[in-house]
């Protein structure tokens, strides 16, 4: 993309998809139930995560974060099935650029979009009455990140993915200005800055003209905030930091991050496999 942004593979979620207590405008039970679902997702228990998120949707049908989180579980299940988060793909630009287009599951795609649309509809209704509602803003940030990840990493539509990433970053800046302790929102700023900050100087100049943020160091700083303090996306930010360390040839830092994630989520084979690669 733009003749050199194969590093778009580094995007993440809104996502993502990935995540110090945060003020979600809800109860502590809200945080605990949703956090449990994310932990199931990071441990690759996708069926369990769906049950947890769906139960929250039934309990709190007016909370946009429920369906957005369920969409994250659908996306990560596809990432796992299609082996998309393996570090070799992200570290080797040529391998990423020349990779075969994955074969997504159309049923998962439909369920993913249904949950995102549901989340965005609820969030827009909330924001129409309360424009500074933190929970609704974060749900939209998450939706932008998740959709951008799907477009770029599964459908290989990098430009469309970049548009979603930019939208999520702008909303994240707005949310952080309202509440600087909303630590999960920092990941959206971190991803755009790191990803685009690793491109060549001419490409960075062009991207700045379009309003993109391209400060690699700032990107790492923001990812570290989410990795350390994020309630929901912390583990995802940690994985991105491990990939960044590998790209910088800092294998010891990557090993330390992956060892910690592997200990925290023992059922996640990805962390174990990446550790084996580093130890070799």
Protein backbone atom coordinates (compact mmCIF):
# COMPACT_ATOMS: atom_id res chain seq x y z
CA UNK A 1 0.00 0.00 0.00
CA UNK A 2 1.37 3.43 -1.02
CA UNK A 3 4.29 1.45 -2.45
CA UNK A 4 5.62 0.45 0.95
CA UNK A 5 3.09 0.04 3.76
CA UNK A 6 3.17 -3.74 3.84
CA UNK A 7 3.58 -3.19 7.57
CA UNK A 8 -0.15 -2.65 7.73
CA UNK A 9 -0.15 -6.26 8.92
CA UNK A 10 0.73 -4.85 12.32
CA UNK A 11 -2.77 -3.36 12.75
CA UNK A 12 -4.81 -4.45 15.43
CA UNK A 13 -8.17 -4.06 17.07
CA UNK A 14 -9.87 -2.93 17.28
CA UNK A 15 -9.35 -3.85 17.73
CA UNK A 16 -9.50 -4.78 18.53
CA UNK A 17 -9.56 -5.86 18.58
CA UNK A 18 -6.95 -6.10 22.08
CA UNK A 19 -7.07 -5.11 27.54
CA UNK A 20 -6.20 -0.61 36.22
CA UNK A 21 -9.65 -0.08 36.40
CA UNK A 22 -11.40 2.03 33.76
CA UNK A 23 -14.53 4.13 33.98
CA UNK A 24 -16.96 2.53 31.56
CA UNK A 25 -20.02 4.33 32.86
CA UNK A 26 -21.21 0.95 34.15
CA UNK A 27 -21.01 -1.27 37.21
CA UNK A 28 -18.10 -3.28 38.52
CA UNK A 29 -20.03 -6.37 37.43
CA UNK A 30 -19.96 -5.03 33.88
CA UNK A 31 -16.18 -4.84 33.98
CA UNK A 32 -15.76 -8.24 35.62
CA UNK A 33 -18.04 -10.13 33.22
CA UNK A 34 -16.61 -8.55 30.10
CA UNK A 35 -13.06 -8.99 31.32
CA UNK A 36 -13.76 -12.68 31.89
CA UNK A 37 -14.91 -12.96 28.28
CA UNK A 38 -11.73 -11.35 27.00
CA UNK A 39 -9.59 -13.66 29.09
CA UNK A 40 -11.42 -16.63 27.58
CA UNK A 41 -10.79 -15.21 24.13
CA UNK A 42 -7.06 -14.74 24.76
CA UNK A 43 -6.91 -18.33 26.01
CA UNK A 44 -8.53 -19.41 22.71
CA UNK A 45 -11.77 -20.52 24.39
CA UNK A 46 -13.88 -18.82 21.76
CA UNK A 47 -17.07 -20.73 22.53
CA UNK A 48 -16.78 -19.72 26.17
CA UNK A 49 -16.08 -16.11 25.21
CA UNK A 50 -19.16 -16.00 22.98
CA UNK A 51 -21.33 -17.37 25.78
CA UNK A 52 -19.97 -14.77 28.19
CA UNK A 53 -20.43 -11.85 25.81
CA UNK A 54 -23.87 -13.01 24.72
CA UNK A 55 -24.97 -13.32 28.33
CA UNK A 56 -23.90 -9.73 28.87
CA UNK A 57 -25.82 -8.61 25.79
CA UNK A 58 -28.94 -10.22 27.25
CA UNK A 59 -28.37 -8.62 30.64
CA UNK A 60 -27.49 -5.19 29.25
CA UNK A 61 -29.05 -4.82 25.77
CA UNK A 62 -28.29 -1.09 25.71
CA UNK A 63 -24.55 -1.52 26.23
CA UNK A 64 -22.72 -1.30 22.86
CA UNK A 65 -19.57 -2.87 24.30
CA UNK A 66 -21.29 -6.27 24.57
CA UNK A 67 -21.76 -6.87 20.84
CA UNK A 68 -18.44 -5.16 20.01
CA UNK A 69 -16.68 -7.60 22.32
CA UNK A 70 -18.52 -10.54 20.79
CA UNK A 71 -17.35 -9.34 17.37
CA UNK A 72 -13.79 -9.41 18.71
CA UNK A 73 -14.22 -13.07 19.63
CA UNK A 74 -15.36 -13.86 16.09
CA UNK A 75 -12.38 -12.01 14.62
CA UNK A 76 -9.82 -13.67 16.87
CA UNK A 77 -11.27 -17.10 16.14
CA UNK A 78 -10.67 -16.44 12.43
CA UNK A 79 -7.18 -15.15 13.16
CA UNK A 80 -6.44 -18.38 15.01
CA UNK A 81 -7.96 -20.65 12.36
CA UNK A 82 -6.14 -18.88 9.53
CA UNK A 83 -2.80 -18.57 11.46
CA UNK A 84 -2.78 -14.82 10.86
CA UNK A 85 -1.09 -13.69 14.08
CA UNK A 86 2.11 -15.69 13.61
CA UNK A 87 5.11 -13.39 13.92
CA UNK A 88 6.86 -14.59 10.75
CA UNK A 89 4.11 -12.95 8.72
CA UNK A 90 4.52 -9.59 10.45
CA UNK A 91 8.30 -9.46 10.71
CA UNK A 92 8.97 -10.40 7.08
CA UNK A 93 7.48 -7.66 4.86
CA UNK A 94 7.94 -9.65 1.65
CA UNK A 95 6.23 -12.67 3.14
CA UNK A 96 3.28 -10.53 4.17
CA UNK A 97 3.03 -8.75 0.81
CA UNK A 98 3.18 -11.99 -1.18
CA UNK A 99 0.97 -14.07 1.11
CA UNK A 100 -2.02 -15.90 -0.30
CA UNK A 101 -5.39 -14.35 0.42
CA UNK A 102 -6.99 -16.25 3.31
CA UNK A 103 -10.26 -18.14 2.87
CA UNK A 104 -12.59 -16.66 5.51
CA UNK A 105 -15.62 -18.49 6.87
CA UNK A 106 -18.70 -16.69 5.42
CA UNK A 107 -20.78 -17.59 8.47
CA UNK A 108 -18.22 -16.07 10.80
CA UNK A 109 -18.02 -13.02 8.54
CA UNK A 110 -21.79 -12.53 8.73
CA UNK A 111 -21.88 -12.98 12.51
CA UNK A 112 -18.94 -10.59 12.91
CA UNK A 113 -20.60 -7.85 10.86
CA UNK A 114 -23.93 -8.39 12.61
CA UNK A 115 -22.34 -7.79 16.01
CA UNK A 116 -20.43 -4.74 14.78
CA UNK A 117 -23.55 -3.23 13.25
CA UNK A 118 -25.50 -3.88 16.43
CA UNK A 119 -22.79 -2.25 18.53
CA UNK A 120 -22.56 0.81 16.28
CA UNK A 121 -26.33 1.26 16.24
CA UNK A 122 -26.54 1.19 20.03
CA UNK A 123 -23.50 3.46 20.41
CA UNK A 124 -24.92 6.01 17.99
CA UNK A 125 -28.20 6.07 19.88
CA UNK A 126 -26.37 6.67 23.16
CA UNK A 127 -24.14 9.37 21.70
CA UNK A 128 -27.10 11.18 20.16
CA UNK A 129 -28.25 11.93 23.73
CA UNK A 130 -24.89 11.87 25.51
CA UNK A 131 -22.07 12.89 23.11
CA UNK A 132 -19.38 12.34 25.76
CA UNK A 133 -20.48 8.88 26.87
CA UNK A 134 -17.16 7.06 27.36
CA UNK A 135 -18.59 3.55 27.00
CA UNK A 136 -20.21 4.35 23.65
CA UNK A 137 -17.10 6.11 22.35
CA UNK A 138 -14.90 3.14 23.23
CA UNK A 139 -17.34 0.73 21.57
CA UNK A 140 -17.00 2.71 18.34
CA UNK A 141 -13.20 2.76 18.68
CA UNK A 142 -13.21 -1.00 19.14
CA UNK A 143 -15.54 -1.49 16.17
CA UNK A 144 -13.29 0.61 13.92
CA UNK A 145 -10.23 -1.36 14.96
CA UNK A 146 -11.88 -4.75 14.49
CA UNK A 147 -13.27 -3.85 11.08
CA UNK A 148 -9.91 -2.44 10.00
CA UNK A 149 -8.17 -5.65 11.06
CA UNK A 150 -10.62 -7.81 9.13
CA UNK A 151 -10.31 -5.69 5.98
CA UNK A 152 -6.51 -5.58 6.04
CA UNK A 153 -5.50 -8.96 7.41
CA UNK A 154 -8.23 -11.22 6.02
CA UNK A 155 -9.55 -9.46 2.92
CA UNK A 156 -6.20 -7.80 2.03
CA UNK A 157 -7.94 -4.42 1.59
CA UNK A 158 -5.23 -2.29 3.15
CA UNK A 159 -6.49 1.13 2.12
CA UNK A 160 -9.96 0.45 3.54
CA UNK A 161 -8.34 -0.88 6.70
CA UNK A 162 -6.25 2.28 7.03
CA UNK A 163 -9.41 4.40 6.85
CA UNK A 164 -10.95 2.48 9.76
CA UNK A 165 -7.71 2.75 11.72
CA UNK A 166 -7.61 6.53 11.27
CA UNK A 167 -11.25 6.87 12.37
CA UNK A 168 -10.58 4.82 15.51
CA UNK A 169 -7.48 6.86 16.37
CA UNK A 170 -9.40 10.15 16.12
CA UNK A 171 -12.14 8.84 18.41
CA UNK A 172 -9.51 7.53 20.83
CA UNK A 173 -7.94 10.98 21.10
CA UNK A 174 -11.37 12.42 21.86
CA UNK A 175 -12.05 9.81 24.54
CA UNK A 176 -8.64 10.22 26.20
CA UNK A 177 -9.14 13.98 26.30
CA UNK A 178 -12.33 13.29 28.27
CA UNK A 179 -10.78 10.60 30.47
CA UNK A 180 -7.03 10.08 30.31
CA UNK A 181 -7.35 6.92 32.44
CA UNK A 182 -9.34 5.07 29.77
CA UNK A 183 -6.25 2.98 29.11
CA UNK A 184 -7.65 0.62 26.49
CA UNK A 185 -8.21 3.55 24.10
CA UNK A 186 -4.46 4.23 23.87
CA UNK A 187 -3.96 1.14 21.71
CA UNK A 188 -5.74 2.80 18.76
CA UNK A 189 -3.29 5.71 18.87
CA UNK A 190 -0.36 3.37 19.37
CA UNK A 191 -1.13 1.16 16.39
CA UNK A 192 -1.46 3.99 13.87
CA UNK A 193 1.67 5.80 15.06
CA UNK A 194 3.86 2.70 15.20
CA UNK A 195 2.60 1.16 12.01
CA UNK A 196 2.87 4.26 9.86
CA UNK A 197 5.99 5.47 11.68
CA UNK A 198 7.93 2.48 10.34
CA UNK A 199 7.42 3.52 6.71
CA UNK A 200 9.94 5.45 4.62
CA UNK A 201 10.33 9.21 5.05
CA UNK A 202 8.56 10.12 1.76
CA UNK A 203 5.60 7.89 2.63
CA UNK A 204 5.41 9.39 6.14
CA UNK A 205 5.30 12.87 4.58
CA UNK A 206 2.40 11.88 2.33
CA UNK A 207 0.55 10.29 5.22
CA UNK A 208 0.95 13.39 7.39
CA UNK A 209 -0.74 15.42 4.67
CA UNK A 210 -3.75 13.09 4.89
CA UNK A 211 -3.95 13.66 8.67
CA UNK A 212 -2.36 10.39 9.77
CA UNK A 213 -0.06 10.16 12.81
CA UNK A 214 3.32 8.59 12.04
CA UNK A 215 5.47 8.78 15.20
CA UNK A 216 6.91 5.31 15.84
CA UNK A 217 8.24 6.17 19.32
CA UNK A 218 4.89 7.63 20.34
CA UNK A 219 3.23 4.49 19.03
CA UNK A 220 5.32 2.25 21.27
CA UNK A 221 4.63 4.50 24.28
CA UNK A 222 0.87 4.28 23.77
CA UNK A 223 0.95 0.51 23.25
CA UNK A 224 2.89 0.18 26.49
CA UNK A 225 0.17 2.13 28.34
CA UNK A 226 -2.51 -0.32 27.19
CA UNK A 227 -0.29 -3.36 27.76
CA UNK A 228 0.42 -2.29 31.35
CA UNK A 229 -2.94 -0.85 32.42
CA UNK A 230 -5.60 -1.88 29.93
CA UNK A 231 -8.46 -3.98 31.27
CA UNK A 232 -9.51 -5.63 28.00
CA UNK A 233 -6.89 -5.03 25.33
CA UNK A 234 -3.76 -5.33 27.47
CA UNK A 235 -2.74 -8.80 26.22
CA UNK A 236 -3.33 -7.79 22.61
CA UNK A 237 -1.16 -4.69 23.05
CA UNK A 238 1.47 -6.93 24.63
CA UNK A 239 1.50 -9.18 21.57
CA UNK A 240 1.94 -6.15 19.31
CA UNK A 241 4.88 -5.00 21.45
CA UNK A 242 6.46 -8.44 21.11
CA UNK A 243 6.16 -8.19 17.32
CA UNK A 244 7.64 -4.67 17.42
CA UNK A 245 10.57 -5.99 19.47
CA UNK A 246 11.19 -8.74 16.93
CA UNK A 247 11.13 -6.20 14.11
CA UNK A 248 13.77 -4.20 16.05
CA UNK A 249 15.79 -7.42 16.57
CA UNK A 250 15.29 -7.21 20.33
CA UNK A 251 14.70 -10.90 20.85
CA UNK A 252 15.15 -10.77 24.62
CA UNK A 253 12.36 -8.21 25.03
CA UNK A 254 10.09 -10.24 22.77
CA UNK A 255 10.90 -13.40 24.72
CA UNK A 256 10.10 -11.71 28.03
CA UNK A 257 6.72 -10.44 26.80
CA UNK A 258 5.73 -13.77 25.26
CA UNK A 259 6.83 -15.73 28.33
CA UNK A 260 4.59 -13.56 30.51
CA UNK A 261 1.64 -13.95 28.14
CA UNK A 262 2.20 -17.69 27.90
CA UNK A 263 2.14 -18.02 31.67
CA UNK A 264 -1.02 -15.93 31.93
CA UNK A 265 -2.82 -17.76 29.10
CA UNK A 266 -1.49 -21.35 29.09
CA UNK A 267 -4.05 -22.61 26.55
CA UNK A 268 -2.92 -20.15 23.89
CA UNK A 269 -0.61 -22.16 21.62
CA UNK A 270 0.50 -19.05 19.73
CA UNK A 271 2.56 -17.73 22.64
CA UNK A 272 4.21 -21.12 23.15
CA UNK A 273 5.03 -21.50 19.48
CA UNK A 274 6.51 -18.01 19.23
CA UNK A 275 8.66 -18.68 22.30
CA UNK A 276 10.04 -21.83 20.67
CA UNK A 277 10.98 -19.86 17.56
CA UNK A 278 12.85 -17.28 19.63
CA UNK A 279 14.67 -19.91 21.68
CA UNK A 280 15.87 -21.57 18.50
